[in-house]
N, C-alpha and C. Protein backbone atom coordinates (compact mmCIF):
# COMPACT_ATOMS: atom_id res chain seq x y z
N MET A 1 -57.96 7.32 21.62
CA MET A 1 -58.14 7.74 20.71
C MET A 1 -58.87 7.05 19.91
N PHE A 2 -57.59 6.16 19.45
CA PHE A 2 -58.10 4.52 18.39
C PHE A 2 -58.30 3.42 19.25
N GLY A 3 -59.36 2.76 18.67
CA GLY A 3 -59.23 0.96 19.45
C GLY A 3 -60.51 1.60 20.38
N ASN A 4 -60.49 0.58 21.49
CA ASN A 4 -61.55 0.69 22.42
C ASN A 4 -61.12 0.04 23.81
N LYS A 5 -61.74 0.48 24.87
CA LYS A 5 -61.08 0.30 26.31
C LYS A 5 -61.09 -1.34 26.49
N GLN A 6 -61.63 -2.48 25.76
CA GLN A 6 -61.17 -3.58 26.25
C GLN A 6 -59.81 -4.13 25.61
N ASN A 7 -59.59 -3.81 23.99
CA ASN A 7 -58.01 -3.61 23.71
C ASN A 7 -57.37 -3.19 24.31
N LYS A 8 -57.36 -2.22 24.86
CA LYS A 8 -56.35 -1.60 25.44
C LYS A 8 -55.96 -2.36 26.79
N GLN A 9 -56.93 -2.47 27.47
CA GLN A 9 -56.97 -3.50 28.97
C GLN A 9 -56.31 -4.91 28.06
N ASP A 10 -56.87 -5.74 27.35
CA ASP A 10 -55.89 -6.73 26.69
C ASP A 10 -54.39 -6.42 26.66
N ARG A 11 -54.37 -5.38 26.15
CA ARG A 11 -52.92 -5.04 25.56
C ARG A 11 -51.90 -5.02 26.76
N LEU A 12 -52.66 -4.18 28.04
CA LEU A 12 -51.87 -3.95 28.96
C LEU A 12 -51.96 -5.42 29.51
N TRP A 13 -52.22 -6.49 29.78
CA TRP A 13 -52.07 -7.64 30.76
C TRP A 13 -51.14 -8.36 29.80
N ARG A 14 -51.31 -8.22 27.88
CA ARG A 14 -50.41 -8.94 27.16
C ARG A 14 -48.83 -8.30 27.88
N ILE A 15 -49.02 -7.23 27.78
CA ILE A 15 -47.57 -6.44 28.48
C ILE A 15 -46.95 -7.16 29.45
N VAL A 16 -47.85 -7.24 30.65
CA VAL A 16 -47.29 -8.05 31.42
C VAL A 16 -46.71 -9.37 31.68
N ASN A 17 -47.61 -10.02 30.93
CA ASN A 17 -47.40 -11.75 30.50
C ASN A 17 -46.18 -11.81 29.75
N ILE A 18 -45.74 -11.06 28.87
CA ILE A 18 -44.91 -11.49 27.83
C ILE A 18 -43.78 -10.88 28.61
N VAL A 19 -43.51 -9.76 29.38
CA VAL A 19 -42.40 -8.94 29.99
C VAL A 19 -41.86 -10.08 31.26
N ARG A 20 -42.89 -10.83 31.80
CA ARG A 20 -42.91 -11.81 32.87
C ARG A 20 -42.41 -13.37 32.34
N SER A 21 -43.20 -13.27 31.25
CA SER A 21 -42.49 -14.97 30.99
C SER A 21 -41.31 -14.69 29.79
N SER A 22 -40.56 -13.54 29.54
CA SER A 22 -39.34 -13.01 28.67
C SER A 22 -38.24 -13.80 29.31
N ASN A 23 -37.02 -13.44 28.71
CA ASN A 23 -35.61 -13.23 29.56
C ASN A 23 -35.39 -11.70 29.10
N GLY A 24 -36.39 -10.78 29.17
CA GLY A 24 -36.03 -9.92 28.71
C GLY A 24 -36.60 -9.44 27.29
N VAL A 25 -37.29 -8.54 26.99
CA VAL A 25 -37.81 -8.20 25.43
C VAL A 25 -37.41 -6.40 25.45
N THR A 26 -37.49 -6.13 24.36
CA THR A 26 -37.28 -4.61 24.15
C THR A 26 -38.90 -3.89 23.81
N LYS A 27 -38.61 -2.87 23.55
CA LYS A 27 -40.28 -2.14 23.25
C LYS A 27 -40.28 -2.30 22.38
N ALA A 28 -39.30 -2.61 21.20
CA ALA A 28 -39.60 -2.69 20.18
C ALA A 28 -40.21 -3.96 19.76
N GLU A 29 -39.45 -4.91 20.02
CA GLU A 29 -40.45 -6.36 20.43
C GLU A 29 -41.49 -6.35 20.60
N LEU A 30 -41.61 -5.61 21.79
CA LEU A 30 -42.90 -5.47 22.42
C LEU A 30 -44.13 -5.12 21.34
N ALA A 31 -43.59 -3.75 21.06
CA ALA A 31 -44.59 -3.11 19.97
C ALA A 31 -44.76 -4.21 19.00
N SER A 32 -43.81 -4.79 18.06
CA SER A 32 -44.33 -5.46 17.06
C SER A 32 -44.95 -6.74 17.32
N GLN A 33 -44.85 -7.11 18.38
CA GLN A 33 -46.10 -8.44 18.85
C GLN A 33 -47.13 -7.89 18.81
N LEU A 34 -47.38 -6.65 19.73
CA LEU A 34 -48.56 -6.40 20.05
C LEU A 34 -48.90 -5.60 19.06
N GLY A 35 -48.82 -5.11 17.37
CA GLY A 35 -48.83 -4.25 16.44
C GLY A 35 -49.31 -2.88 16.89
N VAL A 36 -48.51 -2.07 17.72
CA VAL A 36 -48.81 -0.92 18.02
C VAL A 36 -47.19 0.22 17.80
N MET A 37 -47.17 1.01 18.34
CA MET A 37 -46.01 1.43 18.14
C MET A 37 -44.94 1.86 19.63
N ARG A 38 -43.56 2.01 19.56
CA ARG A 38 -42.96 1.93 20.59
C ARG A 38 -43.50 3.05 21.59
N SER A 39 -43.92 4.14 21.11
CA SER A 39 -44.35 5.27 22.14
C SER A 39 -45.67 4.83 23.23
N THR A 40 -46.31 4.14 22.26
CA THR A 40 -47.65 3.37 23.06
C THR A 40 -47.28 2.23 24.00
N ILE A 41 -46.18 1.53 23.80
CA ILE A 41 -45.32 0.57 24.96
C ILE A 41 -45.01 1.28 25.88
N THR A 42 -44.47 2.67 25.72
CA THR A 42 -43.84 3.35 26.96
C THR A 42 -44.92 3.63 27.50
N LYS A 43 -45.92 4.18 27.15
CA LYS A 43 -47.08 4.97 27.87
C LYS A 43 -47.92 3.96 28.33
N ASP A 44 -48.12 2.86 27.70
CA ASP A 44 -48.87 1.87 28.35
C ASP A 44 -48.16 1.05 29.77
N MET A 45 -46.83 1.07 29.48
CA MET A 45 -45.97 0.14 30.71
C MET A 45 -46.15 1.34 31.88
N ALA A 46 -46.15 2.33 31.76
CA ALA A 46 -46.40 3.47 32.66
C ALA A 46 -47.77 3.26 33.51
N VAL A 47 -49.07 2.90 33.01
CA VAL A 47 -50.12 2.69 33.04
C VAL A 47 -50.21 1.35 34.27
N VAL A 48 -49.58 0.31 33.73
CA VAL A 48 -49.44 -0.88 34.14
C VAL A 48 -48.99 -0.66 35.42
N GLU A 49 -47.46 0.11 35.47
CA GLU A 49 -47.14 0.46 36.56
C GLU A 49 -47.85 1.08 37.68
N THR A 50 -48.82 2.08 37.06
CA THR A 50 -49.64 2.56 38.38
C THR A 50 -50.76 1.96 39.01
N ALA A 51 -51.18 0.93 37.71
CA ALA A 51 -52.48 0.53 38.51
C ALA A 51 -52.48 -0.71 39.06
N THR A 52 -50.98 -1.68 38.52
CA THR A 52 -50.82 -2.86 39.24
C THR A 52 -49.63 -3.02 40.28
N GLY A 53 -48.83 -2.00 40.00
CA GLY A 53 -47.61 -2.15 41.14
C GLY A 53 -46.68 -2.56 40.43
N CYS A 54 -46.93 -3.37 39.33
CA CYS A 54 -46.17 -4.17 38.70
C CYS A 54 -44.63 -3.26 38.26
N ARG A 55 -43.84 -3.38 38.29
CA ARG A 55 -42.46 -2.75 38.31
C ARG A 55 -41.75 -2.85 37.31
N PHE A 56 -41.17 -2.29 36.20
CA PHE A 56 -40.52 -2.82 35.48
C PHE A 56 -39.14 -2.31 35.24
N TRP A 57 -37.99 -2.98 34.69
CA TRP A 57 -36.91 -2.09 35.02
C TRP A 57 -35.90 -2.57 33.56
N GLU A 58 -35.08 -1.79 32.88
CA GLU A 58 -34.27 -1.44 31.78
C GLU A 58 -32.94 -1.48 31.85
N ASP A 59 -32.72 -2.77 31.32
CA ASP A 59 -30.98 -2.68 31.32
C ASP A 59 -30.46 -1.77 30.08
N ASP A 60 -28.71 -1.90 30.45
CA ASP A 60 -28.51 -1.29 29.34
C ASP A 60 -28.03 -1.25 27.95
N HIS A 61 -28.83 -2.80 27.54
CA HIS A 61 -29.28 -2.82 25.97
C HIS A 61 -30.36 -2.55 25.83
N GLY A 62 -31.45 -1.85 26.44
CA GLY A 62 -32.81 -1.94 26.52
C GLY A 62 -33.91 -2.90 26.59
N ARG A 63 -33.21 -3.85 27.22
CA ARG A 63 -34.15 -5.15 27.62
C ARG A 63 -35.04 -4.68 28.78
N ILE A 64 -35.96 -5.00 28.47
CA ILE A 64 -36.97 -4.65 29.59
C ILE A 64 -37.32 -5.98 30.39
N TYR A 65 -37.15 -6.01 32.06
CA TYR A 65 -37.79 -6.66 33.07
C TYR A 65 -38.74 -6.86 33.67
N SER A 66 -39.36 -7.40 34.42
CA SER A 66 -40.26 -7.42 35.31
C SER A 66 -39.77 -7.44 36.80
N CYS A 67 -40.14 -6.84 37.87
CA CYS A 67 -39.30 -6.94 39.24
C CYS A 67 -40.48 -7.93 40.02
N ASP A 68 -41.36 -8.22 39.72
CA ASP A 68 -42.32 -9.07 40.20
C ASP A 68 -42.09 -10.67 40.66
């Protein structure tokens, strides 16, 4: 709805890079770093998993990790 496709593509790759390079990150931290709502992060993560096969998992403390 808002923004453009290039911004979304950039954000999707940034999510992958941030999660892979961190020792766990919360959706709130991702949202803050990327300037979007947590709900956007949740939706974007589903898109990333479907499009790239990169899988995420969340621990009991809400920290997200990549299985790749």
